[in-house]
Protein backbone atom coordinates (compact mmCIF):
# COMPACT_ATOMS: atom_id res chain seq x y z
CA MET A 1 -15.59 19.92 -5.08
CA ALA A 2 -15.02 16.38 -6.09
CA ARG A 3 -15.08 13.32 -3.86
CA LEU A 4 -12.59 10.53 -4.72
CA ARG A 5 -12.48 7.14 -3.08
CA LEU A 6 -9.05 5.39 -3.15
CA VAL A 7 -8.55 1.74 -2.06
CA SER A 8 -5.43 -0.18 -1.38
CA TRP A 9 -5.07 -3.95 -1.01
CA ASN A 10 -2.19 -6.43 -0.94
CA VAL A 11 -3.92 -9.34 -2.59
CA ASN A 12 -1.13 -11.90 -2.23
CA GLY A 13 -1.46 -12.94 -5.92
CA ILE A 14 -4.03 -11.24 -8.14
CA ARG A 15 -4.76 -14.43 -10.08
CA ALA A 16 -5.41 -16.33 -6.84
CA VAL A 17 -7.72 -13.57 -5.49
CA HIS A 18 -9.54 -13.40 -8.75
CA LYS A 19 -10.72 -17.05 -8.17
CA LYS A 20 -12.12 -15.87 -4.68
CA GLY A 21 -14.48 -13.18 -6.03
CA PHE A 22 -12.15 -10.19 -6.56
CA LEU A 23 -14.27 -8.71 -9.40
CA ASP A 24 -17.40 -8.97 -7.30
CA TRP A 25 -15.64 -7.18 -4.42
CA PHE A 26 -14.28 -4.59 -6.99
CA LYS A 27 -17.78 -3.77 -8.24
CA VAL A 28 -19.25 -3.44 -4.76
CA MET A 29 -16.39 -1.12 -3.55
CA ASP A 30 -17.12 1.17 -6.51
CA ALA A 31 -13.85 3.09 -5.96
CA ASP A 32 -12.34 5.75 -8.13
CA VAL A 33 -8.80 4.35 -7.80
CA VAL A 34 -7.79 0.86 -6.71
CA CYS A 35 -4.15 0.18 -5.81
CA ILE A 36 -2.99 -3.43 -5.70
CA GLN A 37 0.14 -4.83 -4.21
CA GLU A 38 1.77 -8.25 -4.57
CA THR A 39 0.20 -9.05 -7.92
CA LYS A 40 2.70 -11.76 -8.55
CA ALA A 41 1.90 -11.50 -12.28
CA GLU A 42 2.37 -9.39 -15.37
CA GLN A 43 -0.55 -7.84 -17.14
CA SER A 44 0.00 -10.15 -20.04
CA GLN A 45 -0.51 -13.19 -17.82
CA LEU A 46 -3.99 -12.18 -16.66
CA PRO A 47 -7.37 -13.06 -18.07
CA ARG A 48 -8.84 -10.24 -20.09
CA GLU A 49 -11.51 -9.33 -17.50
CA LEU A 50 -8.81 -8.81 -14.96
CA ALA A 51 -6.11 -7.15 -17.11
CA THR A 52 -8.54 -4.42 -18.09
CA ILE A 53 -11.70 -3.79 -15.96
CA ASP A 54 -14.54 -2.02 -17.72
CA GLY A 55 -14.68 1.64 -16.89
CA TYR A 56 -11.06 1.71 -15.59
CA GLN A 57 -7.60 2.36 -17.00
CA SER A 58 -5.06 -0.22 -15.72
CA PHE A 59 -1.39 0.12 -15.01
CA PHE A 60 1.05 -2.45 -13.90
CA ALA A 61 4.65 -2.71 -12.66
CA SER A 62 6.26 -6.15 -12.48
CA ALA A 63 9.46 -7.51 -11.28
CA ALA A 64 12.04 -7.44 -14.15
CA THR A 65 14.07 -10.51 -13.09
CA LYS A 66 11.91 -12.66 -10.86
CA LYS A 67 8.70 -13.79 -12.51
CA GLY A 68 5.69 -14.26 -10.30
CA TYR A 69 7.23 -12.08 -7.55
CA SER A 70 6.18 -8.72 -6.05
CA GLY A 71 4.37 -6.34 -8.49
CA VAL A 72 1.87 -3.55 -8.13
CA ALA A 73 -1.16 -2.30 -10.15
CA ILE A 74 -3.51 0.66 -10.30
CA TYR A 75 -7.03 0.54 -11.69
CA SER A 76 -8.20 4.12 -12.17
CA ARG A 77 -11.66 5.42 -13.15
CA VAL A 78 -10.21 8.95 -13.07
CA PRO A 79 -7.67 9.31 -15.97
CA PRO A 80 -4.27 10.22 -14.43
CA ARG A 81 -2.15 12.75 -16.20
CA GLY A 82 0.74 10.33 -16.28
CA VAL A 83 1.93 7.14 -14.71
CA GLN A 84 5.46 5.85 -14.20
CA ALA A 85 6.82 2.62 -12.83
CA GLY A 86 9.55 2.98 -10.22
CA MET A 87 11.44 5.82 -8.66
CA GLY A 88 14.27 6.01 -11.25
CA LEU A 89 16.51 3.78 -9.12
CA PRO A 90 17.23 0.38 -10.80
CA GLU A 91 18.21 -1.37 -7.61
CA PHE A 92 14.64 -0.76 -6.19
CA ASP A 93 12.70 -0.57 -9.41
CA ASP A 94 13.75 -3.95 -10.75
CA GLU A 95 11.44 -5.69 -8.29
CA GLY A 96 8.29 -3.97 -9.54
CA ARG A 97 7.39 -2.36 -6.23
CA THR A 98 6.31 1.20 -7.24
CA LEU A 99 3.80 3.01 -9.41
CA VAL A 100 3.55 6.81 -9.43
CA ALA A 101 0.35 8.32 -10.80
CA ASP A 102 -0.15 12.05 -11.32
CA TYR A 103 -3.67 13.27 -10.72
CA GLY A 104 -2.85 16.97 -10.76
CA ASP A 105 -4.20 17.80 -7.26
CA PHE A 106 -1.98 15.11 -5.83
CA VAL A 107 0.61 12.44 -6.82
CA LEU A 108 -0.29 8.93 -5.87
CA LEU A 109 2.46 6.54 -4.86
CA ASN A 110 1.41 2.86 -4.74
CA ILE A 111 4.14 0.94 -3.14
CA TYR A 112 4.81 -2.68 -2.01
CA TYR A 113 7.65 -2.12 0.38
CA PRO A 114 10.23 -4.88 0.91
CA ASN A 115 9.86 -7.56 3.63
CA GLY A 116 12.87 -7.88 5.94
CA LYS A 117 12.20 -11.29 7.50
CA GLN A 118 14.05 -13.49 5.06
CA SER A 119 17.71 -12.44 5.98
CA GLU A 120 19.89 -9.61 7.23
CA GLN A 121 20.56 -8.72 3.56
CA ARG A 122 16.88 -8.23 2.91
CA LEU A 123 16.49 -6.20 5.94
CA ASP A 124 19.24 -3.99 4.77
CA TYR A 125 17.52 -3.72 1.39
CA LYS A 126 14.25 -2.83 3.08
CA MET A 127 15.85 -0.03 5.08
CA ARG A 128 17.62 1.41 2.08
CA PHE A 129 14.36 1.26 0.12
CA TYR A 130 12.69 3.14 2.96
CA ASP A 131 15.31 5.93 2.74
CA ALA A 132 15.22 6.14 -0.98
CA PHE A 133 11.44 6.35 -0.97
CA LEU A 134 11.58 9.19 1.66
CA GLU A 135 13.94 11.16 -0.36
CA TYR A 136 11.74 10.66 -3.48
CA ALA A 137 8.56 11.75 -1.55
CA ASP A 138 10.29 14.72 0.14
CA ASN A 139 11.54 15.92 -3.30
CA MET A 140 7.99 15.97 -4.63
CA VAL A 141 6.63 17.89 -1.59
CA ALA A 142 9.58 20.31 -1.92
CA GLN A 143 8.34 21.02 -5.50
CA GLY A 144 4.96 22.02 -4.18
CA ARG A 145 3.25 18.69 -4.96
CA ASN A 146 0.76 16.94 -2.58
CA VAL A 147 1.34 13.26 -2.23
CA VAL A 148 -0.82 10.32 -1.21
CA VAL A 149 1.21 7.21 -0.36
CA CYS A 150 -0.40 3.83 0.01
CA GLY A 151 0.52 0.27 0.19
CA ASP A 152 1.89 -2.61 2.22
CA VAL A 153 4.64 -0.94 4.33
CA ASN A 154 5.57 -4.22 6.04
CA THR A 155 6.01 -2.51 9.39
CA ALA A 156 3.60 -1.94 12.26
CA HIS A 157 4.37 1.45 13.58
CA LYS A 158 3.26 1.52 17.30
CA GLU A 159 2.27 -1.06 19.86
CA ILE A 160 -1.40 -0.24 19.23
CA ASP A 161 -0.79 -1.47 15.67
CA ILE A 162 0.14 -4.98 16.55
CA ALA A 163 -1.64 -7.59 18.73
CA ARG A 164 1.52 -8.93 20.45
CA PRO A 165 4.15 -6.25 20.55
CA LYS A 166 6.50 -7.84 23.10
CA GLU A 167 6.54 -11.21 21.33
CA ASN A 168 7.44 -9.49 18.04
CA SER A 169 9.88 -6.90 19.20
CA LYS A 170 12.78 -8.84 17.54
CA VAL A 171 10.83 -9.79 14.42
CA SER A 172 11.30 -7.88 11.18
CA GLY A 173 8.14 -5.76 10.80
CA PHE A 174 8.32 -4.52 14.34
CA LEU A 175 12.06 -4.02 14.88
CA PRO A 176 13.19 -0.80 16.69
CA GLU A 177 14.99 0.38 13.58
CA GLU A 178 12.01 -0.16 11.40
CA ARG A 179 9.68 1.61 13.84
CA ALA A 180 12.25 4.40 14.20
CA TRP A 181 12.11 4.93 10.43
CA MET A 182 8.33 5.27 10.66
CA ASP A 183 8.75 7.86 13.29
CA LYS A 184 11.20 9.69 10.96
CA PHE A 185 8.70 9.46 8.08
CA ILE A 186 6.02 11.00 10.28
CA ALA A 187 8.48 13.65 11.49
CA HIS A 188 9.14 14.66 7.93
CA GLY A 189 5.53 15.80 7.70
CA TYR A 190 3.48 12.82 6.61
CA VAL A 191 0.19 11.77 8.23
CA ASP A 192 -1.19 8.37 9.00
CA THR A 193 -4.70 8.91 7.65
CA PHE A 194 -6.30 6.04 9.49
CA ARG A 195 -5.31 7.50 12.95
CA MET A 196 -6.93 10.76 11.97
CA PHE A 197 -10.25 9.09 12.53
CA ASN A 198 -9.71 5.93 14.62
CA ASP A 199 -7.54 5.60 17.77
CA GLN A 200 -8.82 2.15 18.74
CA PRO A 201 -6.63 -0.94 19.28
CA GLY A 202 -7.31 -4.30 17.56
CA MET A 203 -7.46 -2.58 14.03
CA TYR A 204 -5.20 -4.75 11.81
CA THR A 205 -4.68 -5.31 8.17
CA TRP A 206 -2.57 -8.58 8.08
CA TRP A 207 -2.86 -11.88 9.78
CA ASP A 208 -0.66 -14.97 9.68
CA MET A 209 -2.65 -17.57 7.72
CA LEU A 210 -0.53 -20.48 9.02
CA THR A 211 -1.58 -19.98 12.64
CA GLY A 212 -5.22 -19.11 11.92
CA ALA A 213 -4.58 -15.73 13.44
CA ARG A 214 -7.24 -13.96 11.62
CA ALA A 215 -10.13 -15.76 13.45
CA ARG A 216 -8.66 -14.59 16.78
CA ASN A 217 -7.76 -11.08 15.33
CA VAL A 218 -4.07 -11.60 16.21
CA GLY A 219 -2.84 -9.26 13.64
CA TRP A 220 -0.63 -6.40 12.52
CA ARG A 221 -1.54 -3.07 10.90
CA ILE A 222 1.04 -2.84 8.13
CA ASP A 223 -1.08 -1.40 5.23
CA TYR A 224 -1.40 2.40 5.22
CA PHE A 225 -2.58 5.61 3.44
CA PHE A 226 -0.30 8.54 4.17
CA VAL A 227 -0.61 12.19 2.93
CA ASN A 228 1.66 15.10 3.35
CA GLU A 229 0.58 17.49 6.17
CA ALA A 230 -0.55 20.31 3.78
CA PHE A 231 -2.97 17.84 2.15
CA LYS A 232 -4.44 16.51 5.34
CA HIS A 233 -7.55 18.79 5.07
CA ALA A 234 -8.59 16.83 1.89
CA VAL A 235 -8.93 13.59 3.76
CA LYS A 236 -12.60 13.06 4.77
CA GLY A 237 -12.48 9.48 5.90
CA ALA A 238 -10.29 6.32 6.21
CA ARG A 239 -11.34 2.74 6.90
CA ILE A 240 -10.10 -0.82 7.20
CA TYR A 241 -12.19 -3.75 5.90
CA PRO A 242 -11.20 -6.85 7.95
CA GLU A 243 -14.29 -8.67 6.80
CA VAL A 244 -13.03 -8.87 3.20
CA GLN A 245 -11.45 -12.28 2.58
CA GLY A 246 -9.27 -13.59 -0.18
CA SER A 247 -5.86 -12.57 1.03
CA ASP A 248 -3.81 -12.52 4.23
CA HIS A 249 -4.24 -8.76 4.08
CA CYS A 250 -7.49 -6.79 3.96
CA PRO A 251 -8.30 -3.71 1.94
CA ILE A 252 -8.16 -0.15 3.25
CA ASP A 253 -9.43 3.08 1.83
CA ILE A 254 -9.54 6.92 2.11
CA GLU A 255 -12.12 9.56 1.00
CA LEU A 256 -10.57 12.68 -0.59
CA GLU A 257 -12.39 15.96 -1.28
CA ILE A 258 -10.50 18.03 -3.92
CA GLY A 259 -10.99 20.88 -6.31
């Protein structure tokens, strides 16, 4: 049996977090796979030590039209069988939000889901992205594949996942329709890995920097690792690292036992 540690972090700009000690954190975490969201950069724009980290293969997906927007990356110490950018749907792939890596025992989907706060149009885009992603994941499971899904989902699922549920009930990220989609996703047979091990309130992954919410732990849990039900047995641990600074999000991880 092999143990794998997978980490996910929305860094809110990989070049910005690089200046705040990202590579030191990376070395300490000593993960097998590190998934990054909101890189806000193409690989060619990065300093050499960040574009390719010693001992890891690196894969990037960037926005095709808007430079410095969105973007995801995977640093992998375990060589994947293959990696593709996007879900094969140009409308959603053009924003560089998805990387799919095949590790044989499972397929890893690293996703930066859209934010719906800007406008009704962006909320509609977010909900359609959600549905397209669910169909994509369901198709993989139907083909007999195990899936691990990670990233910034941009929705807090339940009241326990947000510090002020009533005040945010009409704010995108905690709207009834967004939370209902999360219910549907779970009902399709996907497991919130963190809640397998921790049922405590006050466990958040994002805080509003403008209001100094992090110091008061007035946050939202919007970053997740999910697995399909049949792969749940492989998950041996899941954690949140609120002490890690450098972004308005903090990292999360899971431990898998496979083979």
